[in-house]
Amino acid sequence: KVVEVLGDKSPVSQKKKAVVAVES
């Protein structure tokens, strides 16, 4: 579940990368 969206001011240390996918 998406519980937060990260913006430019979010700490860099939190910004690991991921493949994020959706279907429709």
PDBML (XML) file of the C-alpha atoms, coordinates in Angstrom:
<?xml version="1.0" encoding="UTF-8" ?>
<PDBx:datablock datablockName="MODEL"
   xmlns:PDBx="http://pdbml.pdb.org/schema/pdbx-v50.xsd"
   xmlns:xsi="http://www.w3.org/2001/XMLSchema-instance"
   xsi:schemaLocation="http://pdbml.pdb.org/schema/pdbx-v50.xsd pdbx-v50.xsd">
   <PDBx:atom_siteCategory>
      <PDBx:atom_site id="1">
         <PDBx:B_iso_or_equiv>0.00</PDBx:B_iso_or_equiv>
         <PDBx:Cartn_x>0.000</PDBx:Cartn_x>
         <PDBx:Cartn_y>0.000</PDBx:Cartn_y>
         <PDBx:Cartn_z>0.000</PDBx:Cartn_z>
         <PDBx:auth_asym_id>A</PDBx:auth_asym_id>
         <PDBx:auth_atom_id>CA</PDBx:auth_atom_id>
         <PDBx:auth_comp_id>LYS</PDBx:auth_comp_id>
         <PDBx:auth_seq_id>1</PDBx:auth_seq_id>
         <PDBx:group_PDB>ATOM</PDBx:group_PDB>
         <PDBx:label_alt_id xsi:nil="true" />
         <PDBx:label_asym_id>A</PDBx:label_asym_id>
         <PDBx:label_atom_id>CA</PDBx:label_atom_id>
         <PDBx:label_comp_id>LYS</PDBx:label_comp_id>
         <PDBx:label_entity_id>1</PDBx:label_entity_id>
         <PDBx:label_seq_id>1</PDBx:label_seq_id>
         <PDBx:occupancy>1.00</PDBx:occupancy>
         <PDBx:pdbx_PDB_model_num>1</PDBx:pdbx_PDB_model_num>
         <PDBx:type_symbol>C</PDBx:type_symbol>
      </PDBx:atom_site>
      <PDBx:atom_site id="2">
         <PDBx:B_iso_or_equiv>0.00</PDBx:B_iso_or_equiv>
         <PDBx:Cartn_x>1.222</PDBx:Cartn_x>
         <PDBx:Cartn_y>3.500</PDBx:Cartn_y>
         <PDBx:Cartn_z>-0.808</PDBx:Cartn_z>
         <PDBx:auth_asym_id>A</PDBx:auth_asym_id>
         <PDBx:auth_atom_id>CA</PDBx:auth_atom_id>
         <PDBx:auth_comp_id>VAL</PDBx:auth_comp_id>
         <PDBx:auth_seq_id>2</PDBx:auth_seq_id>
         <PDBx:group_PDB>ATOM</PDBx:group_PDB>
         <PDBx:label_alt_id xsi:nil="true" />
         <PDBx:label_asym_id>A</PDBx:label_asym_id>
         <PDBx:label_atom_id>CA</PDBx:label_atom_id>
         <PDBx:label_comp_id>VAL</PDBx:label_comp_id>
         <PDBx:label_entity_id>1</PDBx:label_entity_id>
         <PDBx:label_seq_id>2</PDBx:label_seq_id>
         <PDBx:occupancy>1.00</PDBx:occupancy>
         <PDBx:pdbx_PDB_model_num>1</PDBx:pdbx_PDB_model_num>
         <PDBx:type_symbol>C</PDBx:type_symbol>
      </PDBx:atom_site>
      <PDBx:atom_site id="3">
         <PDBx:B_iso_or_equiv>0.00</PDBx:B_iso_or_equiv>
         <PDBx:Cartn_x>1.263</PDBx:Cartn_x>
         <PDBx:Cartn_y>5.291</PDBx:Cartn_y>
         <PDBx:Cartn_z>2.553</PDBx:Cartn_z>
         <PDBx:auth_asym_id>A</PDBx:auth_asym_id>
         <PDBx:auth_atom_id>CA</PDBx:auth_atom_id>
         <PDBx:auth_comp_id>VAL</PDBx:auth_comp_id>
         <PDBx:auth_seq_id>3</PDBx:auth_seq_id>
         <PDBx:group_PDB>ATOM</PDBx:group_PDB>
         <PDBx:label_alt_id xsi:nil="true" />
         <PDBx:label_asym_id>A</PDBx:label_asym_id>
         <PDBx:label_atom_id>CA</PDBx:label_atom_id>
         <PDBx:label_comp_id>VAL</PDBx:label_comp_id>
         <PDBx:label_entity_id>1</PDBx:label_entity_id>
         <PDBx:label_seq_id>3</PDBx:label_seq_id>
         <PDBx:occupancy>1.00</PDBx:occupancy>
         <PDBx:pdbx_PDB_model_num>1</PDBx:pdbx_PDB_model_num>
         <PDBx:type_symbol>C</PDBx:type_symbol>
      </PDBx:atom_site>
      <PDBx:atom_site id="4">
         <PDBx:B_iso_or_equiv>0.00</PDBx:B_iso_or_equiv>
         <PDBx:Cartn_x>3.369</PDBx:Cartn_x>
         <PDBx:Cartn_y>8.296</PDBx:Cartn_y>
         <PDBx:Cartn_z>1.516</PDBx:Cartn_z>
         <PDBx:auth_asym_id>A</PDBx:auth_asym_id>
         <PDBx:auth_atom_id>CA</PDBx:auth_atom_id>
         <PDBx:auth_comp_id>GLU</PDBx:auth_comp_id>
         <PDBx:auth_seq_id>4</PDBx:auth_seq_id>
         <PDBx:group_PDB>ATOM</PDBx:group_PDB>
         <PDBx:label_alt_id xsi:nil="true" />
         <PDBx:label_asym_id>A</PDBx:label_asym_id>
         <PDBx:label_atom_id>CA</PDBx:label_atom_id>
         <PDBx:label_comp_id>GLU</PDBx:label_comp_id>
         <PDBx:label_entity_id>1</PDBx:label_entity_id>
         <PDBx:label_seq_id>4</PDBx:label_seq_id>
         <PDBx:occupancy>1.00</PDBx:occupancy>
         <PDBx:pdbx_PDB_model_num>1</PDBx:pdbx_PDB_model_num>
         <PDBx:type_symbol>C</PDBx:type_symbol>
      </PDBx:atom_site>
      <PDBx:atom_site id="5">
         <PDBx:B_iso_or_equiv>0.00</PDBx:B_iso_or_equiv>
         <PDBx:Cartn_x>4.622</PDBx:Cartn_x>
         <PDBx:Cartn_y>10.057</PDBx:Cartn_y>
         <PDBx:Cartn_z>-1.585</PDBx:Cartn_z>
         <PDBx:auth_asym_id>A</PDBx:auth_asym_id>
         <PDBx:auth_atom_id>CA</PDBx:auth_atom_id>
         <PDBx:auth_comp_id>VAL</PDBx:auth_comp_id>
         <PDBx:auth_seq_id>5</PDBx:auth_seq_id>
         <PDBx:group_PDB>ATOM</PDBx:group_PDB>
         <PDBx:label_alt_id xsi:nil="true" />
         <PDBx:label_asym_id>A</PDBx:label_asym_id>
         <PDBx:label_atom_id>CA</PDBx:label_atom_id>
         <PDBx:label_comp_id>VAL</PDBx:label_comp_id>
         <PDBx:label_entity_id>1</PDBx:label_entity_id>
         <PDBx:label_seq_id>5</PDBx:label_seq_id>
         <PDBx:occupancy>1.00</PDBx:occupancy>
         <PDBx:pdbx_PDB_model_num>1</PDBx:pdbx_PDB_model_num>
         <PDBx:type_symbol>C</PDBx:type_symbol>
      </PDBx:atom_site>
      <PDBx:atom_site id="6">
         <PDBx:B_iso_or_equiv>0.00</PDBx:B_iso_or_equiv>
         <PDBx:Cartn_x>8.186</PDBx:Cartn_x>
         <PDBx:Cartn_y>11.353</PDBx:Cartn_y>
         <PDBx:Cartn_z>-1.610</PDBx:Cartn_z>
         <PDBx:auth_asym_id>A</PDBx:auth_asym_id>
         <PDBx:auth_atom_id>CA</PDBx:auth_atom_id>
         <PDBx:auth_comp_id>LEU</PDBx:auth_comp_id>
         <PDBx:auth_seq_id>6</PDBx:auth_seq_id>
         <PDBx:group_PDB>ATOM</PDBx:group_PDB>
         <PDBx:label_alt_id xsi:nil="true" />
         <PDBx:label_asym_id>A</PDBx:label_asym_id>
         <PDBx:label_atom_id>CA</PDBx:label_atom_id>
         <PDBx:label_comp_id>LEU</PDBx:label_comp_id>
         <PDBx:label_entity_id>1</PDBx:label_entity_id>
         <PDBx:label_seq_id>6</PDBx:label_seq_id>
         <PDBx:occupancy>1.00</PDBx:occupancy>
         <PDBx:pdbx_PDB_model_num>1</PDBx:pdbx_PDB_model_num>
         <PDBx:type_symbol>C</PDBx:type_symbol>
      </PDBx:atom_site>
      <PDBx:atom_site id="7">
         <PDBx:B_iso_or_equiv>0.00</PDBx:B_iso_or_equiv>
         <PDBx:Cartn_x>9.039</PDBx:Cartn_x>
         <PDBx:Cartn_y>14.843</PDBx:Cartn_y>
         <PDBx:Cartn_z>-2.830</PDBx:Cartn_z>
         <PDBx:auth_asym_id>A</PDBx:auth_asym_id>
         <PDBx:auth_atom_id>CA</PDBx:auth_atom_id>
         <PDBx:auth_comp_id>GLY</PDBx:auth_comp_id>
         <PDBx:auth_seq_id>7</PDBx:auth_seq_id>
         <PDBx:group_PDB>ATOM</PDBx:group_PDB>
         <PDBx:label_alt_id xsi:nil="true" />
         <PDBx:label_asym_id>A</PDBx:label_asym_id>
         <PDBx:label_atom_id>CA</PDBx:label_atom_id>
         <PDBx:label_comp_id>GLY</PDBx:label_comp_id>
         <PDBx:label_entity_id>1</PDBx:label_entity_id>
         <PDBx:label_seq_id>7</PDBx:label_seq_id>
         <PDBx:occupancy>1.00</PDBx:occupancy>
         <PDBx:pdbx_PDB_model_num>1</PDBx:pdbx_PDB_model_num>
         <PDBx:type_symbol>C</PDBx:type_symbol>
      </PDBx:atom_site>
      <PDBx:atom_site id="8">
         <PDBx:B_iso_or_equiv>0.00</PDBx:B_iso_or_equiv>
         <PDBx:Cartn_x>12.267</PDBx:Cartn_x>
         <PDBx:Cartn_y>16.683</PDBx:Cartn_y>
         <PDBx:Cartn_z>-3.558</PDBx:Cartn_z>
         <PDBx:auth_asym_id>A</PDBx:auth_asym_id>
         <PDBx:auth_atom_id>CA</PDBx:auth_atom_id>
         <PDBx:auth_comp_id>ASP</PDBx:auth_comp_id>
         <PDBx:auth_seq_id>8</PDBx:auth_seq_id>
         <PDBx:group_PDB>ATOM</PDBx:group_PDB>
         <PDBx:label_alt_id xsi:nil="true" />
         <PDBx:label_asym_id>A</PDBx:label_asym_id>
         <PDBx:label_atom_id>CA</PDBx:label_atom_id>
         <PDBx:label_comp_id>ASP</PDBx:label_comp_id>
         <PDBx:label_entity_id>1</PDBx:label_entity_id>
         <PDBx:label_seq_id>8</PDBx:label_seq_id>
         <PDBx:occupancy>1.00</PDBx:occupancy>
         <PDBx:pdbx_PDB_model_num>1</PDBx:pdbx_PDB_model_num>
         <PDBx:type_symbol>C</PDBx:type_symbol>
      </PDBx:atom_site>
      <PDBx:atom_site id="9">
         <PDBx:B_iso_or_equiv>0.00</PDBx:B_iso_or_equiv>
         <PDBx:Cartn_x>12.764</PDBx:Cartn_x>
         <PDBx:Cartn_y>17.505</PDBx:Cartn_y>
         <PDBx:Cartn_z>0.151</PDBx:Cartn_z>
         <PDBx:auth_asym_id>A</PDBx:auth_asym_id>
         <PDBx:auth_atom_id>CA</PDBx:auth_atom_id>
         <PDBx:auth_comp_id>LYS</PDBx:auth_comp_id>
         <PDBx:auth_seq_id>9</PDBx:auth_seq_id>
         <PDBx:group_PDB>ATOM</PDBx:group_PDB>
         <PDBx:label_alt_id xsi:nil="true" />
         <PDBx:label_asym_id>A</PDBx:label_asym_id>
         <PDBx:label_atom_id>CA</PDBx:label_atom_id>
         <PDBx:label_comp_id>LYS</PDBx:label_comp_id>
         <PDBx:label_entity_id>1</PDBx:label_entity_id>
         <PDBx:label_seq_id>9</PDBx:label_seq_id>
         <PDBx:occupancy>1.00</PDBx:occupancy>
         <PDBx:pdbx_PDB_model_num>1</PDBx:pdbx_PDB_model_num>
         <PDBx:type_symbol>C</PDBx:type_symbol>
      </PDBx:atom_site>
      <PDBx:atom_site id="10">
         <PDBx:B_iso_or_equiv>0.00</PDBx:B_iso_or_equiv>
         <PDBx:Cartn_x>12.639</PDBx:Cartn_x>
         <PDBx:Cartn_y>13.891</PDBx:Cartn_y>
         <PDBx:Cartn_z>1.354</PDBx:Cartn_z>
         <PDBx:auth_asym_id>A</PDBx:auth_asym_id>
         <PDBx:auth_atom_id>CA</PDBx:auth_atom_id>
         <PDBx:auth_comp_id>SER</PDBx:auth_comp_id>
         <PDBx:auth_seq_id>10</PDBx:auth_seq_id>
         <PDBx:group_PDB>ATOM</PDBx:group_PDB>
         <PDBx:label_alt_id xsi:nil="true" />
         <PDBx:label_asym_id>A</PDBx:label_asym_id>
         <PDBx:label_atom_id>CA</PDBx:label_atom_id>
         <PDBx:label_comp_id>SER</PDBx:label_comp_id>
         <PDBx:label_entity_id>1</PDBx:label_entity_id>
         <PDBx:label_seq_id>10</PDBx:label_seq_id>
         <PDBx:occupancy>1.00</PDBx:occupancy>
         <PDBx:pdbx_PDB_model_num>1</PDBx:pdbx_PDB_model_num>
         <PDBx:type_symbol>C</PDBx:type_symbol>
      </PDBx:atom_site>
      <PDBx:atom_site id="11">
         <PDBx:B_iso_or_equiv>0.00</PDBx:B_iso_or_equiv>
         <PDBx:Cartn_x>15.938</PDBx:Cartn_x>
         <PDBx:Cartn_y>12.706</PDBx:Cartn_y>
         <PDBx:Cartn_z>2.850</PDBx:Cartn_z>
         <PDBx:auth_asym_id>A</PDBx:auth_asym_id>
         <PDBx:auth_atom_id>CA</PDBx:auth_atom_id>
         <PDBx:auth_comp_id>PRO</PDBx:auth_comp_id>
         <PDBx:auth_seq_id>11</PDBx:auth_seq_id>
         <PDBx:group_PDB>ATOM</PDBx:group_PDB>
         <PDBx:label_alt_id xsi:nil="true" />
         <PDBx:label_asym_id>A</PDBx:label_asym_id>
         <PDBx:label_atom_id>CA</PDBx:label_atom_id>
         <PDBx:label_comp_id>PRO</PDBx:label_comp_id>
         <PDBx:label_entity_id>1</PDBx:label_entity_id>
         <PDBx:label_seq_id>11</PDBx:label_seq_id>
         <PDBx:occupancy>1.00</PDBx:occupancy>
         <PDBx:pdbx_PDB_model_num>1</PDBx:pdbx_PDB_model_num>
         <PDBx:type_symbol>C</PDBx:type_symbol>
      </PDBx:atom_site>
      <PDBx:atom_site id="12">
         <PDBx:B_iso_or_equiv>0.00</PDBx:B_iso_or_equiv>
         <PDBx:Cartn_x>18.201</PDBx:Cartn_x>
         <PDBx:Cartn_y>11.183</PDBx:Cartn_y>
         <PDBx:Cartn_z>0.210</PDBx:Cartn_z>
         <PDBx:auth_asym_id>A</PDBx:auth_asym_id>
         <PDBx:auth_atom_id>CA</PDBx:auth_atom_id>
         <PDBx:auth_comp_id>VAL</PDBx:auth_comp_id>
         <PDBx:auth_seq_id>12</PDBx:auth_seq_id>
         <PDBx:group_PDB>ATOM</PDBx:group_PDB>
         <PDBx:label_alt_id xsi:nil="true" />
         <PDBx:label_asym_id>A</PDBx:label_asym_id>
         <PDBx:label_atom_id>CA</PDBx:label_atom_id>
         <PDBx:label_comp_id>VAL</PDBx:label_comp_id>
         <PDBx:label_entity_id>1</PDBx:label_entity_id>
         <PDBx:label_seq_id>12</PDBx:label_seq_id>
         <PDBx:occupancy>1.00</PDBx:occupancy>
         <PDBx:pdbx_PDB_model_num>1</PDBx:pdbx_PDB_model_num>
         <PDBx:type_symbol>C</PDBx:type_symbol>
      </PDBx:atom_site>
      <PDBx:atom_site id="13">
         <PDBx:B_iso_or_equiv>0.00</PDBx:B_iso_or_equiv>
         <PDBx:Cartn_x>19.000</PDBx:Cartn_x>
         <PDBx:Cartn_y>8.277</PDBx:Cartn_y>
         <PDBx:Cartn_z>2.557</PDBx:Cartn_z>
         <PDBx:auth_asym_id>A</PDBx:auth_asym_id>
         <PDBx:auth_atom_id>CA</PDBx:auth_atom_id>
         <PDBx:auth_comp_id>SER</PDBx:auth_comp_id>
         <PDBx:auth_seq_id>13</PDBx:auth_seq_id>
         <PDBx:group_PDB>ATOM</PDBx:group_PDB>
         <PDBx:label_alt_id xsi:nil="true" />
         <PDBx:label_asym_id>A</PDBx:label_asym_id>
         <PDBx:label_atom_id>CA</PDBx:label_atom_id>
         <PDBx:label_comp_id>SER</PDBx:label_comp_id>
         <PDBx:label_entity_id>1</PDBx:label_entity_id>
         <PDBx:label_seq_id>13</PDBx:label_seq_id>
         <PDBx:occupancy>1.00</PDBx:occupancy>
         <PDBx:pdbx_PDB_model_num>1</PDBx:pdbx_PDB_model_num>
         <PDBx:type_symbol>C</PDBx:type_symbol>
      </PDBx:atom_site>
      <PDBx:atom_site id="14">
         <PDBx:B_iso_or_equiv>0.00</PDBx:B_iso_or_equiv>
         <PDBx:Cartn_x>15.388</PDBx:Cartn_x>
         <PDBx:Cartn_y>7.138</PDBx:Cartn_y>
         <PDBx:Cartn_z>2.251</PDBx:Cartn_z>
         <PDBx:auth_asym_id>A</PDBx:auth_asym_id>
         <PDBx:auth_atom_id>CA</PDBx:auth_atom_id>
         <PDBx:auth_comp_id>GLN</PDBx:auth_comp_id>
         <PDBx:auth_seq_id>14</PDBx:auth_seq_id>
         <PDBx:group_PDB>ATOM</PDBx:group_PDB>
         <PDBx:label_alt_id xsi:nil="true" />
         <PDBx:label_asym_id>A</PDBx:label_asym_id>
         <PDBx:label_atom_id>CA</PDBx:label_atom_id>
         <PDBx:label_comp_id>GLN</PDBx:label_comp_id>
         <PDBx:label_entity_id>1</PDBx:label_entity_id>
         <PDBx:label_seq_id>14</PDBx:label_seq_id>
         <PDBx:occupancy>1.00</PDBx:occupancy>
         <PDBx:pdbx_PDB_model_num>1</PDBx:pdbx_PDB_model_num>
         <PDBx:type_symbol>C</PDBx:type_symbol>
      </PDBx:atom_site>
      <PDBx:atom_site id="15">
         <PDBx:B_iso_or_equiv>0.00</PDBx:B_iso_or_equiv>
         <PDBx:Cartn_x>15.431</PDBx:Cartn_x>
         <PDBx:Cartn_y>7.067</PDBx:Cartn_y>
         <PDBx:Cartn_z>-1.518</PDBx:Cartn_z>
         <PDBx:auth_asym_id>A</PDBx:auth_asym_id>
         <PDBx:auth_atom_id>CA</PDBx:auth_atom_id>
         <PDBx:auth_comp_id>LYS</PDBx:auth_comp_id>
         <PDBx:auth_seq_id>15</PDBx:auth_seq_id>
         <PDBx:group_PDB>ATOM</PDBx:group_PDB>
         <PDBx:label_alt_id xsi:nil="true" />
         <PDBx:label_asym_id>A</PDBx:label_asym_id>
         <PDBx:label_atom_id>CA</PDBx:label_atom_id>
         <PDBx:label_comp_id>LYS</PDBx:label_comp_id>
         <PDBx:label_entity_id>1</PDBx:label_entity_id>
         <PDBx:label_seq_id>15</PDBx:label_seq_id>
         <PDBx:occupancy>1.00</PDBx:occupancy>
         <PDBx:pdbx_PDB_model_num>1</PDBx:pdbx_PDB_model_num>
         <PDBx:type_symbol>C</PDBx:type_symbol>
      </PDBx:atom_site>
      <PDBx:atom_site id="16">
         <PDBx:B_iso_or_equiv>0.00</PDBx:B_iso_or_equiv>
         <PDBx:Cartn_x>16.302</PDBx:Cartn_x>
         <PDBx:Cartn_y>3.558</PDBx:Cartn_y>
         <PDBx:Cartn_z>-2.505</PDBx:Cartn_z>
         <PDBx:auth_asym_id>A</PDBx:auth_asym_id>
         <PDBx:auth_atom_id>CA</PDBx:auth_atom_id>
         <PDBx:auth_comp_id>LYS</PDBx:auth_comp_id>
         <PDBx:auth_seq_id>16</PDBx:auth_seq_id>
         <PDBx:group_PDB>ATOM</PDBx:group_PDB>
         <PDBx:label_alt_id xsi:nil="true" />
         <PDBx:label_asym_id>A</PDBx:label_asym_id>
         <PDBx:label_atom_id>CA</PDBx:label_atom_id>
         <PDBx:label_comp_id>LYS</PDBx:label_comp_id>
         <PDBx:label_entity_id>1</PDBx:label_entity_id>
         <PDBx:label_seq_id>16</PDBx:label_seq_id>
         <PDBx:occupancy>1.00</PDBx:occupancy>
         <PDBx:pdbx_PDB_model_num>1</PDBx:pdbx_PDB_model_num>
         <PDBx:type_symbol>C</PDBx:type_symbol>
      </PDBx:atom_site>
      <PDBx:atom_site id="17">
         <PDBx:B_iso_or_equiv>0.00</PDBx:B_iso_or_equiv>
         <PDBx:Cartn_x>15.102</PDBx:Cartn_x>
         <PDBx:Cartn_y>2.559</PDBx:Cartn_y>
         <PDBx:Cartn_z>-5.952</PDBx:Cartn_z>
         <PDBx:auth_asym_id>A</PDBx:auth_asym_id>
         <PDBx:auth_atom_id>CA</PDBx:auth_atom_id>
         <PDBx:auth_comp_id>LYS</PDBx:auth_comp_id>
         <PDBx:auth_seq_id>17</PDBx:auth_seq_id>
         <PDBx:group_PDB>ATOM</PDBx:group_PDB>
         <PDBx:label_alt_id xsi:nil="true" />
         <PDBx:label_asym_id>A</PDBx:label_asym_id>
         <PDBx:label_atom_id>CA</PDBx:label_atom_id>
         <PDBx:label_comp_id>LYS</PDBx:label_comp_id>
         <PDBx:label_entity_id>1</PDBx:label_entity_id>
         <PDBx:label_seq_id>17</PDBx:label_seq_id>
         <PDBx:occupancy>1.00</PDBx:occupancy>
         <PDBx:pdbx_PDB_model_num>1</PDBx:pdbx_PDB_model_num>
         <PDBx:type_symbol>C</PDBx:type_symbol>
      </PDBx:atom_site>
      <PDBx:atom_site id="18">
         <PDBx:B_iso_or_equiv>0.00</PDBx:B_iso_or_equiv>
         <PDBx:Cartn_x>12.318</PDBx:Cartn_x>
         <PDBx:Cartn_y>0.166</PDBx:Cartn_y>
         <PDBx:Cartn_z>-6.902</PDBx:Cartn_z>
         <PDBx:auth_asym_id>A</PDBx:auth_asym_id>
         <PDBx:auth_atom_id>CA</PDBx:auth_atom_id>
         <PDBx:auth_comp_id>ALA</PDBx:auth_comp_id>
         <PDBx:auth_seq_id>18</PDBx:auth_seq_id>
         <PDBx:group_PDB>ATOM</PDBx:group_PDB>
         <PDBx:label_alt_id xsi:nil="true" />
         <PDBx:label_asym_id>A</PDBx:label_asym_id>
         <PDBx:label_atom_id>CA</PDBx:label_atom_id>
         <PDBx:label_comp_id>ALA</PDBx:label_comp_id>
         <PDBx:label_entity_id>1</PDBx:label_entity_id>
         <PDBx:label_seq_id>18</PDBx:label_seq_id>
         <PDBx:occupancy>1.00</PDBx:occupancy>
         <PDBx:pdbx_PDB_model_num>1</PDBx:pdbx_PDB_model_num>
         <PDBx:type_symbol>C</PDBx:type_symbol>
      </PDBx:atom_site>
      <PDBx:atom_site id="19">
         <PDBx:B_iso_or_equiv>0.00</PDBx:B_iso_or_equiv>
         <PDBx:Cartn_x>10.358</PDBx:Cartn_x>
         <PDBx:Cartn_y>-0.985</PDBx:Cartn_y>
         <PDBx:Cartn_z>-9.919</PDBx:Cartn_z>
         <PDBx:auth_asym_id>A</PDBx:auth_asym_id>
         <PDBx:auth_atom_id>CA</PDBx:auth_atom_id>
         <PDBx:auth_comp_id>VAL</PDBx:auth_comp_id>
         <PDBx:auth_seq_id>19</PDBx:auth_seq_id>
         <PDBx:group_PDB>ATOM</PDBx:group_PDB>
         <PDBx:label_alt_id xsi:nil="true" />
         <PDBx:label_asym_id>A</PDBx:label_asym_id>
         <PDBx:label_atom_id>CA</PDBx:label_atom_id>
         <PDBx:label_comp_id>VAL</PDBx:label_comp_id>
         <PDBx:label_entity_id>1</PDBx:label_entity_id>
         <PDBx:label_seq_id>19</PDBx:label_seq_id>
         <PDBx:occupancy>1.00</PDBx:occupancy>
         <PDBx:pdbx_PDB_model_num>1</PDBx:pdbx_PDB_model_num>
         <PDBx:type_symbol>C</PDBx:type_symbol>
      </PDBx:atom_site>
      <PDBx:atom_site id="20">
         <PDBx:B_iso_or_equiv>0.00</PDBx:B_iso_or_equiv>
         <PDBx:Cartn_x>6.780</PDBx:Cartn_x>
         <PDBx:Cartn_y>0.119</PDBx:Cartn_y>
         <PDBx:Cartn_z>-9.225</PDBx:Cartn_z>
         <PDBx:auth_asym_id>A</PDBx:auth_asym_id>
         <PDBx:auth_atom_id>CA</PDBx:auth_atom_id>
         <PDBx:auth_comp_id>VAL</PDBx:auth_comp_id>
         <PDBx:auth_seq_id>20</PDBx:auth_seq_id>
         <PDBx:group_PDB>ATOM</PDBx:group_PDB>
         <PDBx:label_alt_id xsi:nil="true" />
         <PDBx:label_asym_id>A</PDBx:label_asym_id>
         <PDBx:label_atom_id>CA</PDBx:label_atom_id>
         <PDBx:label_comp_id>VAL</PDBx:label_comp_id>
         <PDBx:label_entity_id>1</PDBx:label_entity_id>
         <PDBx:label_seq_id>20</PDBx:label_seq_id>
         <PDBx:occupancy>1.00</PDBx:occupancy>
         <PDBx:pdbx_PDB_model_num>1</PDBx:pdbx_PDB_model_num>
         <PDBx:type_symbol>C</PDBx:type_symbol>
      </PDBx:atom_site>
      <PDBx:atom_site id="21">
         <PDBx:B_iso_or_equiv>0.00</PDBx:B_iso_or_equiv>
         <PDBx:Cartn_x>3.936</PDBx:Cartn_x>
         <PDBx:Cartn_y>-1.347</PDBx:Cartn_y>
         <PDBx:Cartn_z>-11.319</PDBx:Cartn_z>
         <PDBx:auth_asym_id>A</PDBx:auth_asym_id>
         <PDBx:auth_atom_id>CA</PDBx:auth_atom_id>
         <PDBx:auth_comp_id>ALA</PDBx:auth_comp_id>
         <PDBx:auth_seq_id>21</PDBx:auth_seq_id>
         <PDBx:group_PDB>ATOM</PDBx:group_PDB>
         <PDBx:label_alt_id xsi:nil="true" />
         <PDBx:label_asym_id>A</PDBx:label_asym_id>
         <PDBx:label_atom_id>CA</PDBx:label_atom_id>
         <PDBx:label_comp_id>ALA</PDBx:label_comp_id>
         <PDBx:label_entity_id>1</PDBx:label_entity_id>
         <PDBx:label_seq_id>21</PDBx:label_seq_id>
         <PDBx:occupancy>1.00</PDBx:occupancy>
         <PDBx:pdbx_PDB_model_num>1</PDBx:pdbx_PDB_model_num>
         <PDBx:type_symbol>C</PDBx:type_symbol>
      </PDBx:atom_site>
      <PDBx:atom_site id="22">
         <PDBx:B_iso_or_equiv>0.00</PDBx:B_iso_or_equiv>
         <PDBx:Cartn_x>0.172</PDBx:Cartn_x>
         <PDBx:Cartn_y>-1.130</PDBx:Cartn_y>
         <PDBx:Cartn_z>-11.720</PDBx:Cartn_z>
         <PDBx:auth_asym_id>A</PDBx:auth_asym_id>
         <PDBx:auth_atom_id>CA</PDBx:auth_atom_id>
         <PDBx:auth_comp_id>VAL</PDBx:auth_comp_id>
         <PDBx:auth_seq_id>22</PDBx:auth_seq_id>
         <PDBx:group_PDB>ATOM</PDBx:group_PDB>
         <PDBx:label_alt_id xsi:nil="true" />
         <PDBx:label_asym_id>A</PDBx:label_asym_id>
         <PDBx:label_atom_id>CA</PDBx:label_atom_id>
         <PDBx:label_comp_id>VAL</PDBx:label_comp_id>
         <PDBx:label_entity_id>1</PDBx:label_entity_id>
         <PDBx:label_seq_id>22</PDBx:label_seq_id>
         <PDBx:occupancy>1.00</PDBx:occupancy>
         <PDBx:pdbx_PDB_model_num>1</PDBx:pdbx_PDB_model_num>
         <PDBx:type_symbol>C</PDBx:type_symbol>
      </PDBx:atom_site>
      <PDBx:atom_site id="23">
         <PDBx:B_iso_or_equiv>0.00</PDBx:B_iso_or_equiv>
         <PDBx:Cartn_x>-2.407</PDBx:Cartn_x>
         <PDBx:Cartn_y>-2.915</PDBx:Cartn_y>
         <PDBx:Cartn_z>-13.866</PDBx:Cartn_z>
         <PDBx:auth_asym_id>A</PDBx:auth_asym_id>
         <PDBx:auth_atom_id>CA</PDBx:auth_atom_id>
         <PDBx:auth_comp_id>GLU</PDBx:auth_comp_id>
         <PDBx:auth_seq_id>23</PDBx:auth_seq_id>
         <PDBx:group_PDB>ATOM</PDBx:group_PDB>
         <PDBx:label_alt_id xsi:nil="true" />
         <PDBx:label_asym_id>A</PDBx:label_asym_id>
         <PDBx:label_atom_id>CA</PDBx:label_atom_id>
         <PDBx:label_comp_id>GLU</PDBx:label_comp_id>
         <PDBx:label_entity_id>1</PDBx:label_entity_id>
         <PDBx:label_seq_id>23</PDBx:label_seq_id>
         <PDBx:occupancy>1.00</PDBx:occupancy>
         <PDBx:pdbx_PDB_model_num>1</PDBx:pdbx_PDB_model_num>
         <PDBx:type_symbol>C</PDBx:type_symbol>
      </PDBx:atom_site>
      <PDBx:atom_site id="24">
         <PDBx:B_iso_or_equiv>0.00</PDBx:B_iso_or_equiv>
         <PDBx:Cartn_x>-5.690</PDBx:Cartn_x>
         <PDBx:Cartn_y>-1.833</PDBx:Cartn_y>
         <PDBx:Cartn_z>-15.399</PDBx:Cartn_z>
         <PDBx:auth_asym_id>A</PDBx:auth_asym_id>
         <PDBx:auth_atom_id>CA</PDBx:auth_atom_id>
         <PDBx:auth_comp_id>SER</PDBx:auth_comp_id>
         <PDBx:auth_seq_id>24</PDBx:auth_seq_id>
         <PDBx:group_PDB>ATOM</PDBx:group_PDB>
         <PDBx:label_alt_id xsi:nil="true" />
         <PDBx:label_asym_id>A</PDBx:label_asym_id>
         <PDBx:label_atom_id>CA</PDBx:label_atom_id>
         <PDBx:label_comp_id>SER</PDBx:label_comp_id>
         <PDBx:label_entity_id>1</PDBx:label_entity_id>
         <PDBx:label_seq_id>24</PDBx:label_seq_id>
         <PDBx:occupancy>1.00</PDBx:occupancy>
         <PDBx:pdbx_PDB_model_num>1</PDBx:pdbx_PDB_model_num>
         <PDBx:type_symbol>C</PDBx:type_symbol>
      </PDBx:atom_site>
   </PDBx:atom_siteCategory>
</PDBx:datablock>
